[in-house]
Protein backbone atom coordinates (compact mmCIF):
# COMPACT_ATOMS: atom_id res chain seq x y z
CA MET A 1 15.92 -0.45 35.20
CA ARG A 2 17.32 2.82 33.95
CA THR A 3 15.74 5.87 35.58
CA ARG A 4 16.95 8.55 33.16
CA PRO A 5 14.24 8.88 30.51
CA LEU A 6 14.71 8.38 26.79
CA LYS A 7 13.70 11.61 25.12
CA VAL A 8 11.33 11.61 22.14
CA ALA A 9 10.75 14.46 19.66
CA LEU A 10 7.45 14.40 17.80
CA LEU A 11 7.32 16.00 14.34
CA GLY A 12 3.67 16.67 13.56
CA CYS A 13 0.68 16.71 15.86
CA GLY A 14 -2.28 16.06 13.61
CA VAL A 15 -4.59 13.05 13.69
CA VAL A 16 -1.75 10.55 14.14
CA GLY A 17 0.69 12.71 16.08
CA SER A 18 -1.87 13.70 18.70
CA GLU A 19 -2.70 10.02 19.25
CA VAL A 20 0.99 9.17 19.63
CA ALA A 21 1.31 11.85 22.31
CA ARG A 22 -1.83 10.66 24.07
CA ILE A 23 -0.74 7.02 24.19
CA MET A 24 2.73 8.00 25.39
CA THR A 25 1.08 9.83 28.28
CA THR A 26 -1.72 7.43 29.20
CA HIS A 27 0.42 4.28 28.83
CA ALA A 28 3.59 5.75 30.29
CA ASP A 29 3.98 3.12 33.02
CA ASP A 30 3.43 0.22 30.61
CA LEU A 31 5.88 1.68 28.10
CA THR A 32 8.48 2.09 30.85
CA ALA A 33 8.08 -1.55 31.88
CA ARG A 34 8.28 -2.81 28.30
CA ILE A 35 11.26 -0.70 27.33
CA GLY A 36 13.24 -0.83 30.56
CA ALA A 37 13.39 2.95 30.93
CA PRO A 38 10.93 5.85 30.98
CA VAL A 39 10.15 7.68 27.75
CA GLU A 40 9.61 11.41 27.82
CA LEU A 41 7.99 13.60 25.20
CA ALA A 42 10.67 16.27 24.95
CA GLY A 43 9.29 18.42 22.14
CA VAL A 44 6.54 18.67 19.55
CA ALA A 45 7.12 20.45 16.24
CA VAL A 46 4.04 21.91 14.56
CA ARG A 47 3.22 24.46 11.88
CA ARG A 48 1.08 26.68 14.09
CA SER A 49 1.95 26.92 17.78
CA SER A 50 -1.16 28.97 18.66
CA LYS A 51 -3.50 25.99 18.36
CA VAL A 52 -4.51 24.37 21.65
CA ARG A 53 -3.50 20.70 21.78
CA ALA A 54 -5.24 18.76 24.51
CA GLY A 55 -2.93 16.85 26.82
CA ILE A 56 0.26 18.44 25.51
CA ASP A 57 2.24 20.94 27.58
CA PRO A 58 2.37 24.17 25.54
CA GLU A 59 5.98 24.57 26.64
CA LEU A 60 6.89 21.53 24.51
CA VAL A 61 5.40 22.96 21.33
CA THR A 62 7.65 24.63 18.76
CA THR A 63 7.49 25.68 15.13
CA ASP A 64 11.23 25.15 14.69
CA ALA A 65 11.47 21.47 13.81
CA THR A 66 15.10 21.78 12.71
CA ALA A 67 16.19 23.14 16.10
CA LEU A 68 14.28 20.36 17.83
CA VAL A 69 16.01 17.51 15.96
CA LYS A 70 19.40 19.24 16.39
CA ARG A 71 19.18 19.44 20.18
CA GLY A 72 21.55 16.55 20.73
CA ASP A 73 19.71 15.13 23.75
CA ILE A 74 16.91 13.59 21.65
CA ASP A 75 17.02 9.78 21.51
CA VAL A 76 14.19 9.12 19.05
CA VAL A 77 12.45 11.33 16.51
CA VAL A 78 8.91 10.34 15.51
CA GLU A 79 8.07 11.81 12.09
CA VAL A 80 4.38 11.97 11.18
CA ILE A 81 4.27 15.13 9.08
CA GLY A 82 4.31 13.30 5.73
CA GLY A 83 5.49 14.46 2.33
CA ILE A 84 9.02 14.57 0.96
CA GLU A 85 10.36 17.85 2.33
CA PRO A 86 11.05 19.00 4.98
CA ALA A 87 10.62 15.42 6.30
CA ARG A 88 13.65 14.03 4.43
CA THR A 89 16.01 16.76 5.66
CA LEU A 90 14.68 16.53 9.22
CA ILE A 91 15.20 12.77 9.31
CA THR A 92 18.77 12.92 8.03
CA THR A 93 19.51 15.78 10.43
CA ALA A 94 18.14 13.69 13.30
CA PHE A 95 20.53 10.86 12.41
CA GLU A 96 23.46 13.27 12.33
CA HIS A 97 22.60 14.54 15.81
CA GLY A 98 22.32 11.17 17.50
CA ALA A 99 18.64 10.25 17.16
CA SER A 100 17.02 7.18 15.65
CA VAL A 101 13.81 7.72 13.66
CA VAL A 102 10.32 6.22 13.59
CA SER A 103 8.31 7.35 10.57
CA ALA A 104 4.86 6.84 9.07
CA ASN A 105 5.87 8.50 5.80
CA LYS A 106 5.08 6.05 2.97
CA ALA A 107 5.77 8.51 0.15
CA LEU A 108 9.24 9.35 1.44
CA ILE A 109 10.23 5.76 2.25
CA ALA A 110 9.03 4.58 -1.18
CA GLN A 111 10.98 7.30 -2.96
CA ASP A 112 14.15 7.59 -0.86
CA GLY A 113 14.17 4.58 1.46
CA ALA A 114 17.58 3.36 0.26
CA ALA A 115 19.26 6.73 0.87
CA LEU A 116 17.63 7.11 4.28
CA HIS A 117 18.69 3.62 5.32
CA ALA A 118 22.24 4.42 4.19
CA ALA A 119 22.23 7.61 6.25
CA ALA A 120 20.93 5.73 9.30
CA GLU A 121 23.58 3.02 8.93
CA GLN A 122 26.36 5.57 8.53
CA GLN A 123 25.40 7.17 11.84
CA GLY A 124 24.61 3.88 13.61
CA ARG A 125 20.91 4.72 14.01
CA ASP A 126 17.60 2.95 13.48
CA LEU A 127 14.97 3.74 10.85
CA TYR A 128 11.62 2.03 11.50
CA TYR A 129 8.38 2.62 9.57
CA GLU A 130 5.76 -0.03 10.34
CA ALA A 131 3.02 2.61 10.21
CA ALA A 132 3.91 3.59 6.62
CA VAL A 133 2.16 0.65 4.97
CA ALA A 134 -1.02 -0.63 6.59
CA GLY A 135 -1.86 1.32 9.73
CA ALA A 136 -2.18 -0.94 12.75
CA ILE A 137 -1.54 -4.16 10.81
CA PRO A 138 1.83 -5.71 11.76
CA LEU A 139 3.30 -6.33 8.32
CA ILE A 140 6.76 -4.89 7.83
CA ARG A 141 8.19 -6.54 10.94
CA PRO A 142 6.81 -10.01 10.01
CA LEU A 143 8.23 -9.66 6.49
CA ARG A 144 11.57 -8.28 7.66
CA GLU A 145 12.06 -10.45 10.74
CA SER A 146 9.60 -13.34 11.14
CA LEU A 147 9.99 -14.45 7.51
CA ALA A 148 13.70 -13.59 7.30
CA GLY A 149 14.58 -17.29 6.94
CA ASP A 150 11.96 -17.95 4.28
CA LYS A 151 11.54 -17.04 0.61
CA VAL A 152 8.57 -14.79 -0.12
CA ASN A 153 7.21 -15.22 -3.63
CA ARG A 154 4.14 -13.01 -3.63
CA VAL A 155 2.47 -10.24 -1.66
CA LEU A 156 -1.12 -9.46 -2.66
CA GLY A 157 -3.15 -6.96 -0.73
CA ILE A 158 -5.72 -4.28 -0.15
CA VAL A 159 -3.64 -1.46 1.30
CA ASN A 160 -5.92 1.56 0.95
CA GLY A 161 -9.04 1.85 3.09
CA THR A 162 -10.67 4.63 1.08
CA THR A 163 -10.74 2.69 -2.18
CA ASN A 164 -11.85 -0.49 -0.45
CA PHE A 165 -14.75 1.38 1.15
CA ILE A 166 -15.81 2.80 -2.23
CA LEU A 167 -15.58 -0.51 -4.08
CA ASP A 168 -17.33 -2.35 -1.24
CA LYS A 169 -20.26 0.08 -1.40
CA MET A 170 -20.48 -0.30 -5.17
CA ASP A 171 -20.53 -4.06 -4.72
CA THR A 172 -22.98 -4.37 -1.84
CA THR A 173 -25.41 -1.51 -2.59
CA GLY A 174 -25.16 -1.12 -6.37
CA ALA A 175 -24.03 2.49 -5.99
CA GLY A 176 -22.11 4.18 -8.76
CA TYR A 177 -18.55 5.36 -8.29
CA GLN A 178 -19.39 9.01 -7.58
CA GLU A 179 -22.17 8.11 -5.15
CA ALA A 180 -19.87 5.78 -3.22
CA LEU A 181 -17.08 8.39 -3.20
CA ASP A 182 -19.50 11.02 -1.84
CA GLU A 183 -20.42 8.68 1.01
CA ALA A 184 -16.76 7.99 1.75
CA THR A 185 -16.09 11.74 1.86
CA ALA A 186 -19.05 12.40 4.15
CA LEU A 187 -17.84 9.72 6.58
CA GLY A 188 -14.28 11.07 6.58
CA TYR A 189 -12.75 8.11 4.75
CA ALA A 190 -11.89 10.18 1.67
CA GLU A 191 -9.99 13.47 1.55
CA ALA A 192 -11.46 16.55 -0.12
CA ASP A 193 -9.05 15.72 -2.96
CA PRO A 194 -9.10 11.90 -3.14
CA THR A 195 -6.66 11.64 -6.07
CA ALA A 196 -3.85 9.98 -4.11
CA ASP A 197 -6.21 7.22 -3.04
CA VAL A 198 -8.48 6.60 -6.03
CA GLU A 199 -5.72 6.91 -8.64
CA GLY A 200 -3.57 4.42 -6.75
CA PHE A 201 -0.65 6.67 -5.73
CA ASP A 202 -1.01 5.82 -2.04
CA ALA A 203 -1.17 2.08 -2.72
CA ALA A 204 1.76 2.28 -5.16
CA ALA A 205 4.02 3.79 -2.48
CA LYS A 206 3.08 0.97 -0.13
CA ALA A 207 3.66 -1.62 -2.85
CA ALA A 208 7.17 -0.27 -3.43
CA ILE A 209 7.98 -0.62 0.28
CA LEU A 210 6.51 -4.11 0.54
CA ALA A 211 8.27 -5.37 -2.59
CA GLY A 212 11.63 -4.08 -1.43
CA ILE A 213 11.34 -5.79 1.95
CA ALA A 214 9.78 -9.03 0.68
CA PHE A 215 12.29 -9.59 -2.12
CA HIS A 216 15.41 -7.96 -0.61
CA THR A 217 15.89 -5.70 -3.60
CA ARG A 218 15.59 -2.04 -4.56
CA VAL A 219 12.06 -1.12 -5.61
CA ARG A 220 11.23 2.57 -5.98
CA LEU A 221 7.88 4.24 -6.45
CA ASP A 222 8.66 4.80 -10.14
CA ASP A 223 9.06 1.04 -10.58
CA VAL A 224 5.45 0.36 -9.61
CA HIS A 225 2.85 0.06 -12.40
CA ARG A 226 -0.19 2.07 -11.28
CA GLU A 227 -3.81 2.25 -12.44
CA GLY A 228 -6.63 3.95 -10.57
CA MET A 229 -10.16 2.70 -10.02
CA THR A 230 -12.23 5.70 -11.15
CA GLU A 231 -13.35 3.88 -14.32
CA VAL A 232 -14.84 0.89 -12.46
CA THR A 233 -18.59 0.75 -13.11
CA ALA A 234 -21.68 -1.02 -11.87
CA ALA A 235 -21.55 -3.07 -15.09
CA ASP A 236 -18.08 -4.30 -14.10
CA PHE A 237 -19.46 -5.49 -10.78
CA ALA A 238 -22.34 -7.21 -12.54
CA SER A 239 -19.86 -9.06 -14.76
CA ALA A 240 -17.75 -9.95 -11.73
CA LYS A 241 -20.74 -11.41 -9.94
CA ARG A 242 -21.57 -13.58 -12.94
CA MET A 243 -18.06 -15.00 -12.63
CA GLY A 244 -18.35 -15.50 -8.87
CA CYS A 245 -15.98 -12.59 -8.25
CA THR A 246 -15.82 -9.13 -6.75
CA ILE A 247 -13.55 -6.18 -7.54
CA LYS A 248 -10.76 -4.79 -5.35
CA LEU A 249 -7.94 -2.30 -5.88
CA LEU A 250 -4.92 -4.54 -5.30
CA ALA A 251 -1.24 -4.01 -4.66
CA ILE A 252 0.58 -7.01 -6.10
CA CYS A 253 4.28 -7.68 -5.64
CA GLU A 254 5.64 -10.92 -7.03
CA ARG A 255 8.76 -12.77 -7.93
CA ALA A 256 9.00 -14.02 -11.54
CA ALA A 257 8.56 -17.77 -12.03
CA ASP A 258 12.26 -18.14 -12.86
CA GLY A 259 13.22 -16.04 -9.81
CA GLY A 260 15.24 -13.66 -11.95
CA SER A 261 13.17 -10.50 -11.48
CA VAL A 262 10.33 -8.95 -9.48
CA THR A 263 7.35 -6.80 -10.34
CA ALA A 264 5.14 -4.45 -8.37
CA ARG A 265 1.79 -3.15 -9.55
CA VAL A 266 -1.42 -1.51 -8.38
CA HIS A 267 -4.69 -1.81 -10.29
CA PRO A 268 -8.33 -2.86 -9.89
CA ALA A 269 -8.89 -6.57 -10.39
CA MET A 270 -11.58 -9.20 -10.17
CA ILE A 271 -10.91 -11.80 -7.47
CA PRO A 272 -12.95 -14.92 -6.71
CA LEU A 273 -15.37 -14.72 -3.80
CA SER A 274 -13.58 -17.76 -2.39
CA HIS A 275 -10.38 -15.76 -1.92
CA PRO A 276 -9.88 -14.36 1.62
CA LEU A 277 -9.38 -10.82 0.27
CA ALA A 278 -12.87 -10.84 -1.26
CA SER A 279 -14.47 -10.68 2.17
CA VAL A 280 -12.51 -7.59 3.30
CA ARG A 281 -15.20 -4.95 3.75
CA GLU A 282 -15.58 -1.25 4.51
CA ALA A 283 -12.30 0.66 5.03
CA TYR A 284 -10.30 -2.33 6.24
CA ASN A 285 -6.99 -3.49 4.79
CA ALA A 286 -5.66 -7.00 4.32
CA VAL A 287 -2.45 -8.39 2.89
CA PHE A 288 -1.95 -11.95 1.65
CA VAL A 289 1.64 -13.24 1.74
CA GLU A 290 2.78 -16.37 -0.07
CA ALA A 291 6.07 -17.81 1.20
CA GLU A 292 7.90 -20.96 0.20
CA ALA A 293 8.03 -22.63 3.61
CA ALA A 294 5.37 -20.78 5.61
CA GLY A 295 2.76 -21.09 2.88
CA ARG A 296 -0.08 -18.57 2.73
CA LEU A 297 -0.45 -15.97 5.47
CA MET A 298 -3.03 -13.20 5.78
CA PHE A 299 -2.74 -9.98 7.79
CA TYR A 300 -5.98 -8.08 8.39
CA GLY A 301 -7.10 -4.99 10.26
CA PRO A 302 -7.71 -1.22 10.17
CA GLY A 303 -5.29 0.32 7.71
CA ALA A 304 -5.65 3.97 8.64
CA GLY A 305 -6.91 6.34 11.32
CA GLY A 306 -5.25 8.12 14.22
CA ALA A 307 -5.30 5.44 16.90
CA PRO A 308 -4.53 2.42 14.64
CA THR A 309 -1.60 4.19 12.97
CA ALA A 310 -0.34 5.46 16.33
CA SER A 311 -0.37 1.87 17.57
CA ALA A 312 2.12 0.92 14.85
CA VAL A 313 4.23 4.00 15.61
CA LEU A 314 4.38 3.12 19.31
CA GLY A 315 5.35 -0.46 18.50
CA ASP A 316 8.32 0.87 16.54
CA LEU A 317 9.11 3.35 19.31
CA VAL A 318 9.36 0.54 21.86
CA ALA A 319 11.65 -1.48 19.56
CA VAL A 320 13.92 1.47 18.82
CA CYS A 321 14.15 2.47 22.48
CA ARG A 322 15.09 -1.09 23.42
CA ASN A 323 17.81 -1.03 20.78
CA LYS A 324 19.03 2.28 22.17
CA LEU A 325 19.35 0.85 25.66
CA GLY A 326 21.20 -2.17 24.33
CA GLU A 327 23.50 0.05 22.27
CA ALA A 328 22.44 -1.84 19.15
CA THR A 329 20.42 -1.27 16.00
CA GLY A 330 17.67 -3.37 14.50
CA PRO A 331 17.37 -4.77 10.96
CA GLY A 332 18.29 -2.24 8.31
CA ASP A 333 17.95 -2.18 4.56
CA SER A 334 18.29 -5.58 2.87
CA ALA A 335 18.83 -5.41 -0.88
CA TYR A 336 21.40 -8.10 -1.35
CA THR A 337 19.54 -9.85 -4.19
CA GLN A 338 19.73 -6.80 -6.48
CA LEU A 339 16.99 -8.29 -8.64
CA PRO A 340 15.85 -6.24 -11.64
CA VAL A 341 12.32 -4.86 -11.51
CA GLY A 342 10.37 -6.07 -14.52
CA SER A 343 7.80 -4.11 -16.51
CA MET A 344 4.06 -4.63 -16.48
CA GLY A 345 4.28 -6.20 -19.92
CA GLU A 346 6.18 -9.14 -18.45
CA VAL A 347 3.49 -9.91 -15.88
CA VAL A 348 1.48 -13.06 -16.58
CA THR A 349 -2.18 -12.54 -15.78
CA ARG A 350 -5.76 -13.06 -16.97
CA TYR A 351 -8.10 -10.53 -18.56
CA HIS A 352 -11.83 -9.94 -18.48
CA ILE A 353 -12.70 -7.96 -21.62
CA SER A 354 -16.15 -6.61 -22.47
CA LEU A 355 -16.72 -5.62 -26.11
CA ASP A 356 -19.57 -3.79 -27.85
CA VAL A 357 -19.88 -5.51 -31.21
CA ALA A 358 -21.99 -5.53 -34.36
CA ASP A 359 -24.96 -7.91 -34.29
CA LYS A 360 -24.00 -9.94 -37.34
CA PRO A 361 -22.64 -13.42 -38.15
CA GLY A 362 -18.88 -13.98 -37.94
CA VAL A 363 -18.09 -11.48 -35.20
CA LEU A 364 -17.10 -14.12 -32.67
CA ALA A 365 -14.84 -15.80 -35.22
CA GLN A 366 -13.07 -12.51 -36.00
CA VAL A 367 -12.54 -11.79 -32.31
CA ALA A 368 -11.25 -15.30 -31.65
CA THR A 369 -8.82 -14.96 -34.54
CA VAL A 370 -7.30 -11.81 -33.03
CA PHE A 371 -6.74 -13.58 -29.72
CA ALA A 372 -5.12 -16.51 -31.52
CA GLU A 373 -2.84 -14.25 -33.57
CA HIS A 374 -1.50 -12.72 -30.34
CA GLY A 375 -0.98 -16.06 -28.65
CA VAL A 376 -3.70 -15.51 -26.02
CA SER A 377 -5.91 -18.47 -25.17
CA ILE A 378 -9.60 -17.86 -24.42
CA ASP A 379 -11.11 -19.43 -21.32
CA THR A 380 -14.77 -18.44 -21.69
CA VAL A 381 -16.94 -16.29 -23.99
CA ARG A 382 -20.41 -14.93 -23.31
CA GLN A 383 -22.39 -13.29 -26.11
CA THR A 384 -25.59 -11.32 -25.50
CA VAL A 385 -27.99 -9.34 -27.67
CA LYS A 386 -30.43 -6.88 -26.11
CA ASP A 387 -32.50 -4.20 -27.85
CA GLY A 388 -30.44 -4.59 -30.99
CA GLU A 389 -27.15 -4.08 -29.10
CA ALA A 390 -24.68 -6.97 -29.05
CA SER A 391 -21.83 -7.56 -26.62
CA LEU A 392 -19.09 -10.10 -26.05
CA VAL A 393 -17.46 -10.83 -22.73
CA VAL A 394 -14.17 -12.71 -23.05
CA VAL A 395 -12.19 -14.16 -20.17
CA THR A 396 -8.69 -15.26 -21.09
CA HIS A 397 -6.27 -17.80 -19.72
CA ARG A 398 -3.04 -16.49 -18.21
CA ALA A 399 -0.72 -14.75 -20.66
CA PRO A 400 1.90 -11.99 -20.64
CA ASP A 401 0.29 -8.60 -20.12
CA ALA A 402 2.02 -7.26 -23.22
CA ALA A 403 0.27 -9.91 -25.36
CA LEU A 404 -3.08 -9.09 -23.80
CA SER A 405 -2.58 -5.35 -24.33
CA GLY A 406 -1.66 -5.99 -27.96
CA THR A 407 -4.79 -8.09 -28.34
CA VAL A 408 -6.98 -5.27 -27.05
CA GLU A 409 -5.42 -2.76 -29.44
CA ALA A 410 -6.00 -5.12 -32.37
CA LEU A 411 -9.62 -5.64 -31.32
CA ARG A 412 -10.19 -1.88 -31.38
CA ASN A 413 -9.22 -1.90 -35.06
CA LEU A 414 -11.86 -4.46 -36.09
CA ASP A 415 -14.76 -2.99 -38.03
CA THR A 416 -17.14 -5.25 -36.15
CA VAL A 417 -15.99 -4.04 -32.72
CA ARG A 418 -17.72 -0.80 -31.87
CA GLY A 419 -15.94 -0.27 -28.59
CA VAL A 420 -14.14 -1.82 -25.64
CA ALA A 421 -16.57 -1.31 -22.79
CA SER A 422 -14.20 -2.47 -20.04
CA ILE A 423 -10.92 -4.27 -19.40
CA MET A 424 -10.03 -5.77 -16.08
CA ARG A 425 -7.45 -8.22 -14.83
CA VAL A 426 -8.46 -11.35 -12.93
CA GLU A 427 -6.26 -12.18 -9.91
CA GLY A 428 -6.16 -14.32 -6.80
CA GLU A 429 -6.55 -17.75 -8.36
């Protein structure tokens, strides 16, 4: 066993970074045995050095992150500061000065993963980012390594704990969106500004990463169709329950039926209660993978939080350190298929559409005619009249999203349709 330690620089010492430092210290002997050499925390870059950080030698703390990654004696840089800059520059600088990188930065990997992988390959370094997608859940490594000999056709998952907590509370307690969000904020699941979560930006970044790995092609954040879940209502949940469904904010990455393209999307959807993802509660994450030979696989666990995310970071750290000792690098970017990324209009899906309509004869016939004119087949229709107000709930068969969107626009132009109360896709069947 090598006695000279591998030196680690930590960029960021917040909720995740402080847990990384703690585990490195408390599990030092185990990490040494697993890696084959000691690992030493050689420096910690922070914004404010005056803050006391329990368990971390103040002598290791610096506000000059650039100088830290340029030292030349650093073997691995762990980046947990997030955002695009200065993280991107620090990572590329680390490669240039001999260090491999472990990152939890989903936004950066989704936006510039290809360029970062190229920079790592040019310098003969590793870039690992298991913690960027689903916290403690082992997902990237199974997709990139365990399923490397298989063909993945679909990845369907709940990859944001905040939104799952909110939707779960709306489902189980009958709470409205704002009430559920307030509870999530009070419990620390939601940020003071929850936009990145509830509008789907966080999940979209993760979907881009997952699609790129699963389908061996370039998928950027801009390629991902994104819809938030702020418009989901108690009435939507009531409709879902009547169908034997619940509602989740899903990240869906799939290969086209002809194999010629891929799509990635994030949006709220109804899923049957019989589907494994329907039972994912609270702030947990779960990802359902469909592969040609392996069949259906599900990965489940805590998708955020200091200790769970640090667990994924440390797993990558061990792998990168082992590679360093063996003078090798692990799997890099794989985009050999170069498949085009299709638009949302090409996606084949089902719709649940709730319409406020006039209470008069012939309305159902007019609505059915619009669906027929757009080539969309109707699965079920439910018509109700209460206190003089009439409504139609239509569930379609699978059809291209563009055809369904065109149908909805045509319905809005009918004199007998007073409004489209809600539109939601139906997935997981």
